[in-house]
Amino acid sequence: MTRGAARENPGPSTLAARAVSVRFEGLTAVDRISLELQRGEVLGLIGPNGAGKTTLVNVLTGFQVPSEGTIWVVDADSTGWQPHRFARAGVIRTFQNGRLFKEFTVRENLEVAAIGVGLSARKARTRAAEVLDWLGLTARADERTDALSYGDERRVGIARALAAMPRWVLLDEPAAGLNDVECDQLMRTVAAIPERFGCGVLLIEHNMRVVMTVCHRIQVIDFGKTIAAGPPAAIQSDPQVIRAYLGVREQRR
């Protein structure tokens, strides 16, 4: 692995990627992308299928080591950390396929997440109860997760991430498969997370109604590169973004 040039740390409230590239046997999935997520904001990360979004999230959470560039958690160069170390530092993620412990109850899923980042069993129970109450899931707390509806599974995935005491929470397509009513509920939840939990939110999402409603800033990537970044109003009218989403571009290889 080749590291990028050293730079000053990004600040006390920041999770950052700097000039990150990821290559798989000659294929460049992420190409010198830089990104900063502040606590207290919702940052949207969007792009067509295959743009490199999930690969970048994997790098930010330790599931993929970058071929080049650096990852910073506050003032620590965290490039090459294992996922559990990112989690202990407050970088928590959800997954597209949920990855809940199906044989556990809703409450147990949250408690395990909290214990996994260092909370005692007692504090984990308290944290789980607080998150369940905030998300309106207390009535489902003792149900096994394999008995939940798809929409409730997605909500429990977010609840489990919040139980793990995040400083930054990375939500990977939380609106996938949800109906309009569930999307409305999701938007209210995501918009309220920074103030309620004091963390930053990175929202990876294809549902543009969700993205444009809740995000303070949006970063758009395509073919592994950043093609635009800015507030929602600017992104909606950006010609490169319009071309990427309309498919008026060279054929992918």
C-alpha atoms as a PDB file:
ATOM      1  CA  MET A   1       0.000   0.000   0.000  1.00  0.00           C
ATOM      2  CA  THR A   2       1.217   3.465  -0.915  1.00  0.00           C
ATOM      3  CA  ARG A   3       0.219   6.258   1.422  1.00  0.00           C
ATOM      4  CA  GLY A   4      -0.703   9.704   0.234  1.00  0.00           C
ATOM      5  CA  ALA A   5       1.373  12.703   1.206  1.00  0.00           C
ATOM      6  CA  ALA A   6       1.118  13.595   4.911  1.00  0.00           C
ATOM      7  CA  ARG A   7      -1.108  16.547   5.754  1.00  0.00           C
ATOM      8  CA  GLU A   8      -2.274  18.204   8.927  1.00  0.00           C
ATOM      9  CA  ASN A   9      -5.032  16.378  10.744  1.00  0.00           C
ATOM     10  CA  PRO A  10      -8.575  17.272   9.673  1.00  0.00           C
ATOM     11  CA  GLY A  11      -9.888  18.536  13.010  1.00  0.00           C
ATOM     12  CA  PRO A  12     -11.517  17.302  16.200  1.00  0.00           C
ATOM     13  CA  SER A  13     -14.934  16.504  14.694  1.00  0.00           C
ATOM     14  CA  THR A  14     -13.974  15.025  11.354  1.00  0.00           C
ATOM     15  CA  LEU A  15     -13.838  11.651   9.633  1.00  0.00           C
ATOM     16  CA  ALA A  16     -11.865  12.122   6.432  1.00  0.00           C
ATOM     17  CA  ALA A  17     -10.623  10.329   3.340  1.00  0.00           C
ATOM     18  CA  ARG A  18      -7.753  11.957   1.507  1.00  0.00           C
ATOM     19  CA  ALA A  19      -6.900  11.088  -2.094  1.00  0.00           C
ATOM     20  CA  VAL A  20      -8.078   7.517  -1.576  1.00  0.00           C
ATOM     21  CA  SER A  21      -7.793   4.975  -4.389  1.00  0.00           C
ATOM     22  CA  VAL A  22      -8.814   1.321  -4.429  1.00  0.00           C
ATOM     23  CA  ARG A  23      -7.738  -1.065  -7.180  1.00  0.00           C
ATOM     24  CA  PHE A  24      -8.800  -4.659  -7.725  1.00  0.00           C
ATOM     25  CA  GLU A  25      -6.512  -6.535 -10.123  1.00  0.00           C
ATOM     26  CA  GLY A  26      -6.054  -3.494 -12.335  1.00  0.00           C
ATOM     27  CA  LEU A  27      -9.640  -2.218 -12.024  1.00  0.00           C
ATOM     28  CA  THR A  28      -9.857   1.141 -10.269  1.00  0.00           C
ATOM     29  CA  ALA A  29     -13.004   1.186  -8.114  1.00  0.00           C
ATOM     30  CA  VAL A  30     -12.150   4.416  -6.263  1.00  0.00           C
ATOM     31  CA  ASP A  31      -9.886   6.995  -7.869  1.00  0.00           C
ATOM     32  CA  ARG A  32      -8.278   9.631  -5.592  1.00  0.00           C
ATOM     33  CA  ILE A  33     -11.460  10.563  -3.750  1.00  0.00           C
ATOM     34  CA  SER A  34     -11.335  12.952  -0.810  1.00  0.00           C
ATOM     35  CA  LEU A  35     -14.248  13.309   1.591  1.00  0.00           C
ATOM     36  CA  GLU A  36     -14.848  14.911   4.978  1.00  0.00           C
ATOM     37  CA  LEU A  37     -17.737  14.177   7.319  1.00  0.00           C
ATOM     38  CA  GLN A  38     -18.283  16.509  10.249  1.00  0.00           C
ATOM     39  CA  ARG A  39     -20.154  15.660  13.408  1.00  0.00           C
ATOM     40  CA  GLY A  40     -23.535  17.383  13.341  1.00  0.00           C
ATOM     41  CA  GLU A  41     -24.129  17.189   9.581  1.00  0.00           C
ATOM     42  CA  VAL A  42     -25.794  14.862   7.092  1.00  0.00           C
ATOM     43  CA  LEU A  43     -23.622  14.299   4.021  1.00  0.00           C
ATOM     44  CA  GLY A  44     -25.130  12.485   1.053  1.00  0.00           C
ATOM     45  CA  LEU A  45     -22.929  10.204  -1.042  1.00  0.00           C
ATOM     46  CA  ILE A  46     -24.626   9.411  -4.326  1.00  0.00           C
ATOM     47  CA  GLY A  47     -23.829   8.046  -7.748  1.00  0.00           C
ATOM     48  CA  PRO A  48     -24.997   5.465 -10.283  1.00  0.00           C
ATOM     49  CA  ASN A  49     -24.658   1.745  -9.597  1.00  0.00           C
ATOM     50  CA  GLY A  50     -21.017   0.718  -9.715  1.00  0.00           C
ATOM     51  CA  ALA A  51     -19.757   4.245  -9.027  1.00  0.00           C
ATOM     52  CA  GLY A  52     -17.665   3.145  -6.016  1.00  0.00           C
ATOM     53  CA  LYS A  53     -19.885   4.270  -3.128  1.00  0.00           C
ATOM     54  CA  THR A  54     -19.900   1.069  -1.086  1.00  0.00           C
ATOM     55  CA  THR A  55     -16.182   0.515  -1.744  1.00  0.00           C
ATOM     56  CA  LEU A  56     -15.488   3.958  -0.295  1.00  0.00           C
ATOM     57  CA  VAL A  57     -17.643   3.176   2.757  1.00  0.00           C
ATOM     58  CA  ASN A  58     -15.725  -0.076   3.188  1.00  0.00           C
ATOM     59  CA  VAL A  59     -12.487   1.931   3.241  1.00  0.00           C
ATOM     60  CA  LEU A  60     -13.885   4.419   5.764  1.00  0.00           C
ATOM     61  CA  THR A  61     -14.832   1.576   8.122  1.00  0.00           C
ATOM     62  CA  GLY A  62     -11.851  -0.753   7.774  1.00  0.00           C
ATOM     63  CA  PHE A  63     -13.441  -3.430   5.590  1.00  0.00           C
ATOM     64  CA  GLN A  64     -11.165  -2.473   2.688  1.00  0.00           C
ATOM     65  CA  VAL A  65      -7.588  -1.179   2.815  1.00  0.00           C
ATOM     66  CA  PRO A  66      -6.969   1.557   0.243  1.00  0.00           C
ATOM     67  CA  SER A  67      -4.333   1.106  -2.436  1.00  0.00           C
ATOM     68  CA  GLU A  68      -3.386   4.773  -2.000  1.00  0.00           C
ATOM     69  CA  GLY A  69      -4.369   7.657   0.231  1.00  0.00           C
ATOM     70  CA  THR A  70      -5.161   8.007   3.926  1.00  0.00           C
ATOM     71  CA  ILE A  71      -8.128   7.789   6.273  1.00  0.00           C
ATOM     72  CA  TRP A  72      -8.263  10.073   9.291  1.00  0.00           C
ATOM     73  CA  VAL A  73     -10.353   9.683  12.422  1.00  0.00           C
ATOM     74  CA  VAL A  74      -9.999  13.075  14.129  1.00  0.00           C
ATOM     75  CA  ASP A  75      -6.209  13.429  14.502  1.00  0.00           C
ATOM     76  CA  ALA A  76      -5.240   9.793  13.915  1.00  0.00           C
ATOM     77  CA  ASP A  77      -4.094   8.364  10.597  1.00  0.00           C
ATOM     78  CA  SER A  78      -6.301   5.274  10.691  1.00  0.00           C
ATOM     79  CA  THR A  79      -5.349   3.808   7.320  1.00  0.00           C
ATOM     80  CA  GLY A  80      -5.155   0.043   7.711  1.00  0.00           C
ATOM     81  CA  TRP A  81      -7.109  -0.171  10.974  1.00  0.00           C
ATOM     82  CA  GLN A  82      -9.312  -3.224  11.400  1.00  0.00           C
ATOM     83  CA  PRO A  83     -13.125  -2.696  11.478  1.00  0.00           C
ATOM     84  CA  HIS A  84     -13.376  -3.202  15.245  1.00  0.00           C
ATOM     85  CA  ARG A  85     -10.880  -0.398  15.824  1.00  0.00           C
ATOM     86  CA  PHE A  86     -12.888   1.993  13.651  1.00  0.00           C
ATOM     87  CA  ALA A  87     -16.008   1.011  15.596  1.00  0.00           C
ATOM     88  CA  ARG A  88     -14.308   1.647  18.933  1.00  0.00           C
ATOM     89  CA  ALA A  89     -13.296   5.083  17.603  1.00  0.00           C
ATOM     90  CA  GLY A  90     -16.938   5.853  16.820  1.00  0.00           C
ATOM     91  CA  VAL A  91     -17.132   5.021  13.094  1.00  0.00           C
ATOM     92  CA  ILE A  92     -20.250   2.853  12.814  1.00  0.00           C
ATOM     93  CA  ARG A  93     -21.998   1.595   9.696  1.00  0.00           C
ATOM     94  CA  THR A  94     -25.068  -0.233   8.484  1.00  0.00           C
ATOM     95  CA  PHE A  95     -25.114  -2.709   5.604  1.00  0.00           C
ATOM     96  CA  GLN A  96     -27.342  -2.977   2.543  1.00  0.00           C
ATOM     97  CA  ASN A  97     -28.397  -6.500   3.514  1.00  0.00           C
ATOM     98  CA  GLY A  98     -29.020  -5.686   7.174  1.00  0.00           C
ATOM     99  CA  ARG A  99     -26.787  -8.327   8.777  1.00  0.00           C
ATOM    100  CA  LEU A 100     -28.924  -8.534  11.914  1.00  0.00           C
ATOM    101  CA  PHE A 101     -28.496 -11.457  14.290  1.00  0.00           C
ATOM    102  CA  LYS A 102     -31.668 -13.254  13.255  1.00  0.00           C
ATOM    103  CA  GLU A 103     -31.805 -15.572  16.255  1.00  0.00           C
ATOM    104  CA  PHE A 104     -31.570 -12.630  18.679  1.00  0.00           C
ATOM    105  CA  THR A 105     -34.310 -10.266  19.763  1.00  0.00           C
ATOM    106  CA  VAL A 106     -34.365  -6.640  18.704  1.00  0.00           C
ATOM    107  CA  ARG A 107     -33.127  -5.606  22.146  1.00  0.00           C
ATOM    108  CA  GLU A 108     -30.314  -8.176  22.102  1.00  0.00           C
ATOM    109  CA  ASN A 109     -29.120  -6.946  18.706  1.00  0.00           C
ATOM    110  CA  LEU A 110     -28.701  -3.458  20.136  1.00  0.00           C
ATOM    111  CA  GLU A 111     -27.095  -4.620  23.358  1.00  0.00           C
ATOM    112  CA  VAL A 112     -24.530  -6.729  21.491  1.00  0.00           C
ATOM    113  CA  ALA A 113     -23.596  -3.703  19.362  1.00  0.00           C
ATOM    114  CA  ALA A 114     -23.142  -1.540  22.451  1.00  0.00           C
ATOM    115  CA  ILE A 115     -21.066  -4.170  24.257  1.00  0.00           C
ATOM    116  CA  GLY A 116     -18.953  -4.557  21.121  1.00  0.00           C
ATOM    117  CA  VAL A 117     -17.705  -0.974  21.413  1.00  0.00           C
ATOM    118  CA  GLY A 118     -16.826  -1.306  25.091  1.00  0.00           C
ATOM    119  CA  LEU A 119     -19.973  -0.602  27.111  1.00  0.00           C
ATOM    120  CA  SER A 120     -20.699  -2.745  30.162  1.00  0.00           C
ATOM    121  CA  ALA A 121     -23.745  -5.027  30.048  1.00  0.00           C
ATOM    122  CA  ARG A 122     -25.662  -2.631  32.291  1.00  0.00           C
ATOM    123  CA  LYS A 123     -24.816   0.434  30.233  1.00  0.00           C
ATOM    124  CA  ALA A 124     -25.566  -1.497  27.033  1.00  0.00           C
ATOM    125  CA  ARG A 125     -29.067  -2.291  28.312  1.00  0.00           C
ATOM    126  CA  THR A 126     -29.628   1.365  29.146  1.00  0.00           C
ATOM    127  CA  ARG A 127     -28.327   2.554  25.783  1.00  0.00           C
ATOM    128  CA  ALA A 128     -30.456  -0.004  23.908  1.00  0.00           C
ATOM    129  CA  ALA A 129     -33.577   1.057  25.801  1.00  0.00           C
ATOM    130  CA  GLU A 130     -32.949   4.742  25.032  1.00  0.00           C
ATOM    131  CA  VAL A 131     -32.476   4.114  21.308  1.00  0.00           C
ATOM    132  CA  LEU A 132     -35.484   1.806  21.054  1.00  0.00           C
ATOM    133  CA  ASP A 133     -37.661   4.378  22.780  1.00  0.00           C
ATOM    134  CA  TRP A 134     -36.447   7.185  20.494  1.00  0.00           C
ATOM    135  CA  LEU A 135     -37.180   5.148  17.368  1.00  0.00           C
ATOM    136  CA  GLY A 136     -40.552   3.916  18.630  1.00  0.00           C
ATOM    137  CA  LEU A 137     -39.393   0.297  18.698  1.00  0.00           C
ATOM    138  CA  THR A 138     -39.874  -0.487  22.390  1.00  0.00           C
ATOM    139  CA  ALA A 139     -42.966  -2.583  21.679  1.00  0.00           C
ATOM    140  CA  ARG A 140     -40.901  -4.781  19.342  1.00  0.00           C
ATOM    141  CA  ALA A 141     -37.904  -5.079  21.671  1.00  0.00           C
ATOM    142  CA  ASP A 142     -38.452  -8.707  22.660  1.00  0.00           C
ATOM    143  CA  GLU A 143     -39.313 -10.012  19.206  1.00  0.00           C
ATOM    144  CA  ARG A 144     -36.772 -12.009  17.244  1.00  0.00           C
ATOM    145  CA  THR A 145     -35.536 -10.048  14.266  1.00  0.00           C
ATOM    146  CA  ASP A 146     -36.420 -12.869  11.865  1.00  0.00           C
ATOM    147  CA  ALA A 147     -40.090 -12.131  12.662  1.00  0.00           C
ATOM    148  CA  LEU A 148     -39.904  -8.468  11.638  1.00  0.00           C
ATOM    149  CA  SER A 149     -41.245  -6.853   8.494  1.00  0.00           C
ATOM    150  CA  TYR A 150     -38.690  -5.635   5.971  1.00  0.00           C
ATOM    151  CA  GLY A 151     -39.271  -2.015   6.963  1.00  0.00           C
ATOM    152  CA  ASP A 152     -38.778  -2.764  10.647  1.00  0.00           C
ATOM    153  CA  GLU A 153     -35.586  -4.702   9.857  1.00  0.00           C
ATOM    154  CA  ARG A 154     -34.194  -1.550   8.244  1.00  0.00           C
ATOM    155  CA  ARG A 155     -35.160   0.513  11.303  1.00  0.00           C
ATOM    156  CA  VAL A 156     -33.518  -1.992  13.646  1.00  0.00           C
ATOM    157  CA  GLY A 157     -30.345  -1.811  11.553  1.00  0.00           C
ATOM    158  CA  ILE A 158     -30.217   1.935  12.156  1.00  0.00           C
ATOM    159  CA  ALA A 159     -31.074   1.433  15.840  1.00  0.00           C
ATOM    160  CA  ARG A 160     -28.240  -1.040  16.249  1.00  0.00           C
ATOM    161  CA  ALA A 161     -25.790   1.439  14.703  1.00  0.00           C
ATOM    162  CA  LEU A 162     -26.974   4.186  17.059  1.00  0.00           C
ATOM    163  CA  ALA A 163     -26.668   1.874  20.071  1.00  0.00           C
ATOM    164  CA  ALA A 164     -22.944   1.565  19.305  1.00  0.00           C
ATOM    165  CA  MET A 165     -22.241   5.156  20.418  1.00  0.00           C
ATOM    166  CA  PRO A 166     -21.310   6.551  16.983  1.00  0.00           C
ATOM    167  CA  ARG A 167     -19.458   9.768  16.397  1.00  0.00           C
ATOM    168  CA  TRP A 168     -20.139   9.197  12.712  1.00  0.00           C
ATOM    169  CA  VAL A 169     -22.734   6.767  11.384  1.00  0.00           C
ATOM    170  CA  LEU A 170     -22.613   5.567   7.772  1.00  0.00           C
ATOM    171  CA  LEU A 171     -25.986   4.430   6.436  1.00  0.00           C
ATOM    172  CA  ASP A 172     -25.724   2.266   3.314  1.00  0.00           C
ATOM    173  CA  GLU A 173     -28.967   2.580   1.290  1.00  0.00           C
ATOM    174  CA  PRO A 174     -31.381   2.589   4.241  1.00  0.00           C
ATOM    175  CA  ALA A 175     -34.364   3.475   2.006  1.00  0.00           C
ATOM    176  CA  ALA A 176     -33.913   0.484  -0.317  1.00  0.00           C
ATOM    177  CA  GLY A 177     -37.212  -1.390  -0.607  1.00  0.00           C
ATOM    178  CA  LEU A 178     -39.203   1.013   1.577  1.00  0.00           C
ATOM    179  CA  ASN A 179     -42.589   2.409   0.594  1.00  0.00           C
ATOM    180  CA  ASP A 180     -43.375   6.131   0.598  1.00  0.00           C
ATOM    181  CA  VAL A 181     -44.708   6.158   4.173  1.00  0.00           C
ATOM    182  CA  GLU A 182     -41.634   4.304   5.436  1.00  0.00           C
ATOM    183  CA  CYS A 183     -39.380   6.692   3.491  1.00  0.00           C
ATOM    184  CA  ASP A 184     -41.082   9.660   5.143  1.00  0.00           C
ATOM    185  CA  GLN A 185     -40.403   8.114   8.549  1.00  0.00           C
ATOM    186  CA  LEU A 186     -36.791   7.413   7.564  1.00  0.00           C
ATOM    187  CA  MET A 187     -36.262  11.024   6.496  1.00  0.00           C
ATOM    188  CA  ARG A 188     -37.487  12.325   9.842  1.00  0.00           C
ATOM    189  CA  THR A 189     -35.207   9.881  11.644  1.00  0.00           C
ATOM    190  CA  VAL A 190     -32.068  10.647   9.648  1.00  0.00           C
ATOM    191  CA  ALA A 191     -32.597  14.411   9.836  1.00  0.00           C
ATOM    192  CA  ALA A 192     -32.899  14.207  13.638  1.00  0.00           C
ATOM    193  CA  ILE A 193     -29.885  11.947  14.304  1.00  0.00           C
ATOM    194  CA  PRO A 194     -27.152  14.651  14.390  1.00  0.00           C
ATOM    195  CA  GLU A 195     -28.899  16.746  17.018  1.00  0.00           C
ATOM    196  CA  ARG A 196     -30.183  13.825  19.098  1.00  0.00           C
ATOM    197  CA  PHE A 197     -26.964  11.791  19.129  1.00  0.00           C
ATOM    198  CA  GLY A 198     -24.307  14.396  18.354  1.00  0.00           C
ATOM    199  CA  CYS A 199     -22.905  12.466  15.424  1.00  0.00           C
ATOM    200  CA  GLY A 200     -22.371  13.011  11.720  1.00  0.00           C
ATOM    201  CA  VAL A 201     -24.325  10.984   9.162  1.00  0.00           C
ATOM    202  CA  LEU A 202     -23.011   9.763   5.816  1.00  0.00           C
ATOM    203  CA  LEU A 203     -26.050   8.751   3.768  1.00  0.00           C
ATOM    204  CA  ILE A 204     -25.433   6.476   0.780  1.00  0.00           C
ATOM    205  CA  GLU A 205     -28.711   6.392  -1.079  1.00  0.00           C
ATOM    206  CA  HIS A 206     -30.380   6.095  -4.494  1.00  0.00           C
ATOM    207  CA  ASN A 207     -33.689   7.614  -3.431  1.00  0.00           C
ATOM    208  CA  MET A 208     -33.217  11.229  -4.499  1.00  0.00           C
ATOM    209  CA  ARG A 209     -36.268  12.440  -2.574  1.00  0.00           C
ATOM    210  CA  VAL A 210     -34.645  11.217   0.626  1.00  0.00           C
ATOM    211  CA  VAL A 211     -31.223  12.623  -0.253  1.00  0.00           C
ATOM    212  CA  MET A 212     -32.392  16.047  -1.346  1.00  0.00           C
ATOM    213  CA  THR A 213     -34.648  16.428   1.696  1.00  0.00           C
ATOM    214  CA  VAL A 214     -32.309  15.505   4.556  1.00  0.00           C
ATOM    215  CA  CYS A 215     -28.737  16.204   3.413  1.00  0.00           C
ATOM    216  CA  HIS A 216     -26.844  19.398   4.183  1.00  0.00           C
ATOM    217  CA  ARG A 217     -24.204  18.609   1.560  1.00  0.00           C
ATOM    218  CA  ILE A 218     -23.992  16.047  -1.232  1.00  0.00           C
ATOM    219  CA  GLN A 219     -20.958  14.470  -2.888  1.00  0.00           C
ATOM    220  CA  VAL A 220     -21.488  12.723  -6.207  1.00  0.00           C
ATOM    221  CA  ILE A 221     -19.143  10.071  -7.560  1.00  0.00           C
ATOM    222  CA  ASP A 222     -19.061   8.238 -10.880  1.00  0.00           C
ATOM    223  CA  PHE A 223     -16.517   5.832 -12.294  1.00  0.00           C
ATOM    224  CA  GLY A 224     -14.753   6.070  -8.920  1.00  0.00           C
ATOM    225  CA  LYS A 225     -14.212   9.844  -9.115  1.00  0.00           C
ATOM    226  CA  THR A 226     -15.895  12.817  -7.465  1.00  0.00           C
ATOM    227  CA  ILE A 227     -17.806  14.696 -10.164  1.00  0.00           C
ATOM    228  CA  ALA A 228     -19.633  17.235  -7.969  1.00  0.00           C
ATOM    229  CA  ALA A 229     -19.987  18.365  -4.363  1.00  0.00           C
ATOM    230  CA  GLY A 230     -22.126  21.013  -2.734  1.00  0.00           C
ATOM    231  CA  PRO A 231     -25.560  21.836  -1.316  1.00  0.00           C
ATOM    232  CA  PRO A 232     -28.605  19.969  -2.682  1.00  0.00           C
ATOM    233  CA  ALA A 233     -29.830  22.857  -4.860  1.00  0.00           C
ATOM    234  CA  ALA A 234     -26.481  23.078  -6.668  1.00  0.00           C
ATOM    235  CA  ILE A 235     -26.265  19.300  -7.146  1.00  0.00           C
ATOM    236  CA  GLN A 236     -29.740  19.104  -8.692  1.00  0.00           C
ATOM    237  CA  SER A 237     -28.750  21.508 -11.444  1.00  0.00           C
ATOM    238  CA  ASP A 238     -25.176  20.327 -12.038  1.00  0.00           C
ATOM    239  CA  PRO A 239     -24.762  19.237 -15.706  1.00  0.00           C
ATOM    240  CA  GLN A 240     -22.316  16.424 -14.896  1.00  0.00           C
ATOM    241  CA  VAL A 241     -24.689  14.979 -12.318  1.00  0.00           C
ATOM    242  CA  ILE A 242     -27.609  15.160 -14.734  1.00  0.00           C
ATOM    243  CA  ARG A 243     -25.595  13.373 -17.420  1.00  0.00           C
ATOM    244  CA  ALA A 244     -24.480  10.655 -14.978  1.00  0.00           C
ATOM    245  CA  TYR A 245     -28.030   9.916 -13.835  1.00  0.00           C
ATOM    246  CA  LEU A 246     -29.594  10.136 -17.293  1.00  0.00           C
ATOM    247  CA  GLY A 247     -26.990   7.733 -18.660  1.00  0.00           C
ATOM    248  CA  VAL A 248     -25.733  10.145 -21.337  1.00  0.00           C
ATOM    249  CA  ARG A 249     -22.101   9.132 -21.016  1.00  0.00           C
ATOM    250  CA  GLU A 250     -19.616   6.651 -22.371  1.00  0.00           C
ATOM    251  CA  GLN A 251     -20.494   2.996 -21.929  1.00  0.00           C
ATOM    252  CA  ARG A 252     -19.107   1.379 -18.781  1.00  0.00           C
ATOM    253  CA  ARG A 253     -16.427  -1.248 -19.229  1.00  0.00           C
END
